[in-house]
Amino acid sequence: MLAAAIALPTAAAQGEWSEFKLALGLEDERVALTAMPFETPGESFPGSAFYYLEDAPRLATDLADLRESEGTLETVEFAESHGAGAAAQAFRQAGSGLDKARALQCLSMAVYYEAASESYAGQQAVAQVVLNRVAHPAYPASICGVVFQGSERTTGCQFSFTCDGSMRRTPSRRAWAAAQSVALAALAGEVYAPIGLATHYHTNYVNPYWAASLDFIGAIGAHRFYRWKGGAGTAGAFTDTYAGGEPLAGPNIRRAQAEVPGPVRAAAPPSNAAIAVGSSTQAPVGASASAPDTDNLPQSGSVREEYANSGRWIAEPGKR
């Protein structure tokens, strides 16, 4: 793993994403895949491969076809009044080798933690949403910036895995390799056209408040995809040019939950005038209107003579 990490910036510096595949051993990963039952001699029959097919994404040609596909997790579903629209522009690489390594890491994390259980098409769709956001001025202009936007908050992160503890899970080696393959293809310029210029998605078991404010494009697997309404969702709005400058491939520093109390300040020292009580320049206090009335104190009763005046106000301090 360390050798691969060291090799990433070097491979990226050569300017070809294909170098990443060699550095990461993704080609070997494909070769090492276990044969499916219908590929194993003695465990298949004519037509058995049909039962292992993954439904290919397709456009619903009419409303009846759409109704038939409703609820099919591996089929692309499109709403009656909205379509994918224009396809996104191919991503164009830029920046240093370190930028490319970070971009690959962040996009792979988004694909893995958001769509590891999805089909290849579902993973492509998630990667495309990230790249669409990078090109839109409403979002950060870097891949890591988009993926980890809002991760400094306990709520409000754009991709839930960046702030809900999901990253504490150790990725599955095979699933991570698949996510990297999807990310590499997207970074190399592959465009997933079925979702067009989608910038939002959510799983089909939630109904976020913002969904009604966007144009629904369609569903792929367990995710529903949306684009901005009006001009903000057209191709002309995606004007940002990627220039690299990738931040660290990880969550932003978490904001403090409460303000840190300031240092405790000592009370101001008393003035010299206040300290000078009893000095030679201080006038005798004497009896005054504010002094308590000594005539109203209770009598000593049976108190011993030497303690008879205990508790009585001193008329002239300093004199006994």
Protein backbone atom coordinates (compact mmCIF):
# COMPACT_ATOMS: atom_id res chain seq x y z
CA MET A 1 0.00 0.00 0.00
CA LEU A 2 2.84 2.41 0.82
CA ALA A 3 4.57 1.72 -2.47
CA ALA A 4 1.35 2.40 -4.34
CA ALA A 5 0.84 5.66 -2.47
CA ILE A 6 4.35 6.82 -3.38
CA ALA A 7 3.84 5.85 -7.00
CA LEU A 8 0.60 7.81 -7.45
CA PRO A 9 1.99 11.36 -7.79
CA THR A 10 4.79 10.08 -10.04
CA ALA A 11 2.34 8.32 -12.32
CA ALA A 12 0.03 11.32 -12.41
CA ALA A 13 2.91 13.65 -13.26
CA GLN A 14 3.34 11.78 -16.52
CA GLY A 15 -0.08 13.09 -17.53
CA GLU A 16 -1.83 9.80 -18.34
CA TRP A 17 -4.55 8.33 -16.15
CA SER A 18 -3.67 4.93 -17.58
CA GLU A 19 -0.47 5.11 -15.53
CA PHE A 20 -2.62 5.06 -12.42
CA LYS A 21 -4.04 1.68 -13.39
CA LEU A 22 -0.56 0.24 -13.59
CA ALA A 23 0.53 1.86 -10.32
CA LEU A 24 -2.58 0.62 -8.51
CA GLY A 25 -2.58 -2.82 -10.11
CA LEU A 26 -6.17 -2.45 -11.26
CA GLU A 27 -5.53 -4.47 -14.40
CA ASP A 28 -4.32 -7.35 -12.22
CA GLU A 29 -7.42 -6.95 -10.08
CA ARG A 30 -9.61 -7.63 -13.10
CA VAL A 31 -7.64 -10.74 -14.02
CA ALA A 32 -7.97 -12.08 -10.47
CA LEU A 33 -11.78 -11.95 -10.47
CA THR A 34 -13.39 -15.27 -9.56
CA ALA A 35 -15.20 -17.00 -12.42
CA MET A 36 -18.98 -16.99 -12.16
CA PRO A 37 -20.81 -20.35 -12.02
CA PHE A 38 -21.86 -20.27 -15.66
CA GLU A 39 -18.17 -19.82 -16.60
CA THR A 40 -17.15 -22.93 -14.68
CA PRO A 41 -17.18 -26.24 -16.57
CA GLY A 42 -19.81 -28.62 -15.24
CA GLU A 43 -21.79 -25.89 -13.45
CA SER A 44 -23.67 -24.39 -16.36
CA PHE A 45 -26.30 -25.22 -18.94
CA PRO A 46 -27.32 -23.58 -22.23
CA GLY A 47 -28.72 -20.15 -21.44
CA SER A 48 -27.61 -20.12 -17.80
CA ALA A 49 -25.71 -16.88 -18.31
CA PHE A 50 -29.07 -15.13 -18.75
CA TYR A 51 -29.75 -15.48 -15.03
CA TYR A 52 -26.57 -13.60 -14.16
CA LEU A 53 -27.11 -10.63 -16.46
CA GLU A 54 -27.16 -7.15 -14.94
CA ASP A 55 -29.90 -4.97 -16.41
CA ALA A 56 -28.29 -2.39 -18.68
CA PRO A 57 -29.33 1.26 -18.20
CA ARG A 58 -31.92 2.26 -20.77
CA LEU A 59 -34.17 5.19 -21.54
CA ALA A 60 -37.85 4.62 -20.91
CA THR A 61 -39.40 5.10 -24.35
CA ASP A 62 -42.92 5.82 -23.16
CA LEU A 63 -44.93 6.18 -19.98
CA ALA A 64 -46.09 2.57 -20.02
CA ASP A 65 -42.50 1.43 -20.23
CA LEU A 66 -41.65 3.76 -17.37
CA ARG A 67 -44.40 2.27 -15.20
CA GLU A 68 -43.12 -1.21 -15.90
CA SER A 69 -39.63 -0.23 -14.79
CA GLU A 70 -40.85 1.51 -11.63
CA GLY A 71 -39.09 0.04 -8.62
CA THR A 72 -36.54 -1.91 -10.66
CA LEU A 73 -33.31 -1.01 -8.88
CA GLU A 74 -30.96 -1.68 -11.78
CA THR A 75 -32.95 0.13 -14.48
CA VAL A 76 -32.74 3.78 -15.42
CA GLU A 77 -36.10 5.47 -14.86
CA PHE A 78 -37.00 8.85 -16.30
CA ALA A 79 -39.83 11.13 -15.27
CA GLU A 80 -42.60 11.98 -17.71
CA SER A 81 -41.95 15.72 -17.91
CA HIS A 82 -38.18 15.88 -17.50
CA GLY A 83 -35.29 14.26 -19.30
CA ALA A 84 -31.55 14.21 -18.81
CA GLY A 85 -31.07 17.09 -21.24
CA ALA A 86 -27.61 17.98 -22.46
CA ALA A 87 -24.74 15.73 -21.48
CA ALA A 88 -21.89 17.11 -19.41
CA GLN A 89 -18.56 18.07 -20.92
CA ALA A 90 -15.73 15.59 -20.52
CA PHE A 91 -13.50 16.29 -17.54
CA ARG A 92 -10.14 17.76 -18.47
CA GLN A 93 -7.24 17.02 -16.18
CA ALA A 94 -5.05 19.82 -14.87
CA GLY A 95 -2.73 20.53 -11.99
CA SER A 96 0.23 18.71 -10.52
CA GLY A 97 0.76 15.03 -9.93
CA LEU A 98 -0.29 15.54 -6.32
CA ASP A 99 -3.51 17.18 -7.50
CA LYS A 100 -4.28 14.17 -9.67
CA ALA A 101 -3.56 11.73 -6.86
CA ARG A 102 -5.86 13.63 -4.49
CA ALA A 103 -8.57 13.95 -7.14
CA LEU A 104 -8.52 10.20 -7.71
CA GLN A 105 -8.61 9.48 -3.98
CA CYS A 106 -11.55 11.80 -3.32
CA LEU A 107 -13.59 10.67 -6.31
CA SER A 108 -12.93 7.02 -5.45
CA MET A 109 -14.14 7.63 -1.89
CA ALA A 110 -17.33 9.27 -3.16
CA VAL A 111 -18.05 6.35 -5.47
CA TYR A 112 -17.21 3.74 -2.85
CA TYR A 113 -19.02 5.17 0.19
CA GLU A 114 -22.01 6.46 -1.76
CA ALA A 115 -22.54 3.65 -4.26
CA ALA A 116 -20.47 0.55 -3.44
CA SER A 117 -23.62 -1.58 -3.54
CA GLU A 118 -24.84 -0.04 -6.80
CA SER A 119 -24.34 -1.34 -10.32
CA TYR A 120 -21.51 -0.04 -12.48
CA ALA A 121 -23.97 2.45 -13.98
CA GLY A 122 -25.01 3.62 -10.52
CA GLN A 123 -21.38 4.22 -9.60
CA GLN A 124 -20.76 6.11 -12.84
CA ALA A 125 -23.73 8.34 -12.07
CA VAL A 126 -22.35 9.30 -8.65
CA ALA A 127 -18.95 10.11 -10.14
CA GLN A 128 -20.64 12.25 -12.82
CA VAL A 129 -22.54 14.26 -10.21
CA VAL A 130 -19.25 15.11 -8.47
CA LEU A 131 -17.67 16.26 -11.74
CA ASN A 132 -20.78 18.23 -12.67
CA ARG A 133 -20.52 20.12 -9.40
CA VAL A 134 -16.86 20.88 -9.99
CA ALA A 135 -17.87 22.60 -13.24
CA HIS A 136 -20.70 24.63 -11.64
CA PRO A 137 -19.88 27.97 -9.96
CA ALA A 138 -22.22 27.17 -7.06
CA TYR A 139 -19.72 24.61 -5.76
CA PRO A 140 -15.98 24.38 -5.05
CA ALA A 141 -13.84 24.13 -8.18
CA SER A 142 -11.93 21.05 -7.01
CA ILE A 143 -12.95 17.42 -6.67
CA CYS A 144 -11.92 17.09 -3.02
CA GLY A 145 -13.54 20.46 -2.32
CA VAL A 146 -16.85 19.20 -3.71
CA VAL A 147 -16.71 15.80 -2.02
CA PHE A 148 -15.87 17.19 1.44
CA GLN A 149 -17.93 20.37 1.26
CA GLY A 150 -19.60 20.93 4.63
CA SER A 151 -17.73 18.10 6.35
CA GLU A 152 -16.57 20.55 9.01
CA ARG A 153 -20.14 20.56 10.33
CA THR A 154 -21.97 17.77 12.13
CA THR A 155 -24.91 18.39 9.80
CA GLY A 156 -25.00 19.95 6.37
CA CYS A 157 -22.26 17.93 4.69
CA GLN A 158 -23.01 17.53 1.00
CA PHE A 159 -22.10 13.83 0.94
CA SER A 160 -23.27 12.11 4.10
CA PHE A 161 -20.33 9.70 4.36
CA THR A 162 -17.98 12.63 5.06
CA CYS A 163 -19.57 13.43 8.43
CA ASP A 164 -21.52 10.37 9.61
CA GLY A 165 -18.61 8.12 10.55
CA SER A 166 -18.75 5.92 7.44
CA MET A 167 -15.09 6.56 6.70
CA ARG A 168 -14.11 4.65 9.82
CA ARG A 169 -15.01 1.46 7.99
CA THR A 170 -12.13 -0.27 6.22
CA PRO A 171 -13.00 -0.49 2.51
CA SER A 172 -13.40 -3.86 0.86
CA ARG A 173 -10.41 -4.42 -1.40
CA ARG A 174 -12.43 -5.58 -4.39
CA ALA A 175 -15.13 -2.93 -4.01
CA TRP A 176 -12.50 -0.22 -3.58
CA ALA A 177 -10.73 -1.36 -6.75
CA ALA A 178 -14.03 -1.17 -8.62
CA ALA A 179 -14.66 2.36 -7.31
CA GLN A 180 -11.18 3.42 -8.38
CA SER A 181 -11.81 2.05 -11.86
CA VAL A 182 -14.98 4.12 -12.15
CA ALA A 183 -13.22 7.23 -10.84
CA LEU A 184 -10.29 6.76 -13.21
CA ALA A 185 -12.58 6.42 -16.21
CA ALA A 186 -14.45 9.61 -15.27
CA LEU A 187 -11.23 11.56 -14.72
CA ALA A 188 -9.91 10.31 -18.06
CA GLY A 189 -12.86 11.97 -19.82
CA GLU A 190 -15.60 9.35 -19.82
CA VAL A 191 -19.02 11.01 -19.55
CA TYR A 192 -22.06 9.25 -18.13
CA ALA A 193 -24.77 10.81 -20.30
CA PRO A 194 -27.98 9.30 -18.81
CA ILE A 195 -28.00 11.77 -15.90
CA GLY A 196 -26.98 14.77 -18.00
CA LEU A 197 -26.16 17.78 -15.84
CA ALA A 198 -27.40 16.35 -12.55
CA THR A 199 -25.95 18.02 -9.47
CA HIS A 200 -28.06 16.35 -6.77
CA TYR A 201 -29.24 12.89 -5.83
CA HIS A 202 -30.69 11.07 -2.86
CA THR A 203 -31.60 7.51 -2.00
CA ASN A 204 -35.12 6.38 -2.81
CA TYR A 205 -36.06 5.80 0.85
CA VAL A 206 -35.81 9.48 1.86
CA ASN A 207 -37.61 12.60 0.68
CA PRO A 208 -35.37 15.63 1.31
CA TYR A 209 -36.94 19.08 1.50
CA TRP A 210 -34.92 20.36 -1.47
CA ALA A 211 -36.14 17.76 -3.95
CA ALA A 212 -39.26 19.72 -4.91
CA SER A 213 -37.17 22.77 -5.81
CA LEU A 214 -35.20 20.90 -8.49
CA ASP A 215 -35.97 19.17 -11.78
CA PHE A 216 -36.14 15.41 -11.42
CA ILE A 217 -34.14 13.61 -14.11
CA GLY A 218 -34.54 9.96 -13.25
CA ALA A 219 -33.47 7.11 -11.01
CA ILE A 220 -30.59 4.71 -11.33
CA GLY A 221 -30.54 1.90 -8.85
CA ALA A 222 -31.42 3.25 -5.41
CA HIS A 223 -30.61 6.88 -6.26
CA ARG A 224 -32.85 9.61 -7.69
CA PHE A 225 -31.07 12.35 -9.66
CA TYR A 226 -31.91 16.04 -10.06
CA ARG A 227 -30.63 19.17 -11.78
CA TRP A 228 -31.10 22.86 -11.05
CA LYS A 229 -34.28 24.46 -12.37
CA GLY A 230 -34.09 27.12 -15.07
CA GLY A 231 -30.87 28.57 -16.40
CA ALA A 232 -28.81 27.25 -13.50
CA GLY A 233 -29.39 23.73 -14.77
CA THR A 234 -28.46 24.35 -18.41
CA ALA A 235 -25.11 23.68 -20.05
CA GLY A 236 -24.34 27.40 -20.17
CA ALA A 237 -24.25 27.57 -16.38
CA PHE A 238 -21.41 25.08 -16.02
CA THR A 239 -18.65 27.59 -16.63
CA ASP A 240 -15.92 26.72 -14.13
CA THR A 241 -12.69 25.36 -15.57
CA TYR A 242 -10.84 22.81 -13.48
CA ALA A 243 -7.33 23.98 -12.61
CA GLY A 244 -6.21 21.52 -9.95
CA GLY A 245 -5.42 23.00 -6.56
CA GLU A 246 -6.83 19.99 -4.75
CA PRO A 247 -6.99 20.26 -0.93
CA LEU A 248 -6.21 17.33 1.34
CA ALA A 249 -8.17 14.19 0.54
CA GLY A 250 -10.08 14.11 3.80
CA PRO A 251 -12.73 15.86 5.90
CA ASN A 252 -12.31 19.51 6.76
CA ILE A 253 -11.40 20.45 10.31
CA ARG A 254 -14.51 20.10 12.44
CA ARG A 255 -15.85 23.34 13.88
CA ALA A 256 -16.06 23.63 17.67
CA GLN A 257 -19.49 22.83 19.04
CA ALA A 258 -19.44 25.85 21.29
CA GLU A 259 -17.46 29.03 21.61
CA VAL A 260 -14.35 28.63 23.73
CA PRO A 261 -14.70 30.90 26.78
CA GLY A 262 -12.28 33.78 26.87
CA PRO A 263 -9.57 34.11 29.49
CA VAL A 264 -10.74 35.05 32.97
CA ARG A 265 -9.77 38.63 33.64
CA ALA A 266 -8.80 39.67 37.18
CA ALA A 267 -10.79 42.47 38.70
CA ALA A 268 -9.15 45.86 38.49
CA PRO A 269 -6.99 46.59 41.55
CA PRO A 270 -8.38 49.13 43.96
CA SER A 271 -7.23 52.69 43.49
CA ASN A 272 -4.68 54.30 45.78
CA ALA A 273 -7.43 56.45 47.27
CA ALA A 274 -9.32 53.37 48.36
CA ILE A 275 -6.22 51.86 49.92
CA ALA A 276 -5.50 54.99 51.92
CA VAL A 277 -8.18 54.33 54.51
CA GLY A 278 -6.82 55.35 57.91
CA SER A 279 -3.91 57.35 56.47
CA SER A 280 -2.90 60.70 57.90
CA THR A 281 -4.77 62.55 55.14
CA GLN A 282 -7.98 60.62 55.74
CA ALA A 283 -10.53 62.61 57.70
CA PRO A 284 -11.95 60.88 60.79
CA VAL A 285 -15.09 59.00 60.00
CA GLY A 286 -16.94 60.08 63.07
CA ALA A 287 -20.68 59.76 63.50
CA SER A 288 -22.67 60.62 60.41
CA ALA A 289 -26.19 60.33 59.09
CA SER A 290 -25.30 57.03 57.46
CA ALA A 291 -23.81 55.50 60.59
CA PRO A 292 -26.07 53.08 62.47
CA ASP A 293 -27.87 54.29 65.55
CA THR A 294 -25.94 52.85 68.47
CA ASP A 295 -28.78 53.57 70.89
CA ASN A 296 -30.98 50.87 69.42
CA LEU A 297 -28.65 47.94 70.13
CA PRO A 298 -29.96 45.36 72.59
CA GLN A 299 -28.79 45.69 76.18
CA SER A 300 -26.04 43.45 77.48
CA GLY A 301 -28.29 41.72 80.04
CA SER A 302 -26.28 39.17 81.98
CA VAL A 303 -23.24 39.29 79.69
CA ARG A 304 -20.01 39.49 81.59
CA GLU A 305 -18.70 43.01 82.08
CA GLU A 306 -15.58 42.59 79.94
CA TYR A 307 -17.78 41.55 76.98
CA ALA A 308 -20.56 44.02 77.57
CA ASN A 309 -19.64 46.20 74.57
CA SER A 310 -19.14 43.32 72.11
CA GLY A 311 -20.96 44.02 68.86
CA ARG A 312 -21.37 47.74 69.49
CA TRP A 313 -20.43 50.06 66.59
CA ILE A 314 -17.19 51.96 67.09
CA ALA A 315 -18.00 55.63 66.90
CA GLU A 316 -14.43 56.63 66.03
CA PRO A 317 -12.34 53.92 64.36
CA GLY A 318 -8.75 53.80 65.53
CA LYS A 319 -9.62 54.80 69.07
CA ARG A 320 -10.32 52.37 71.84
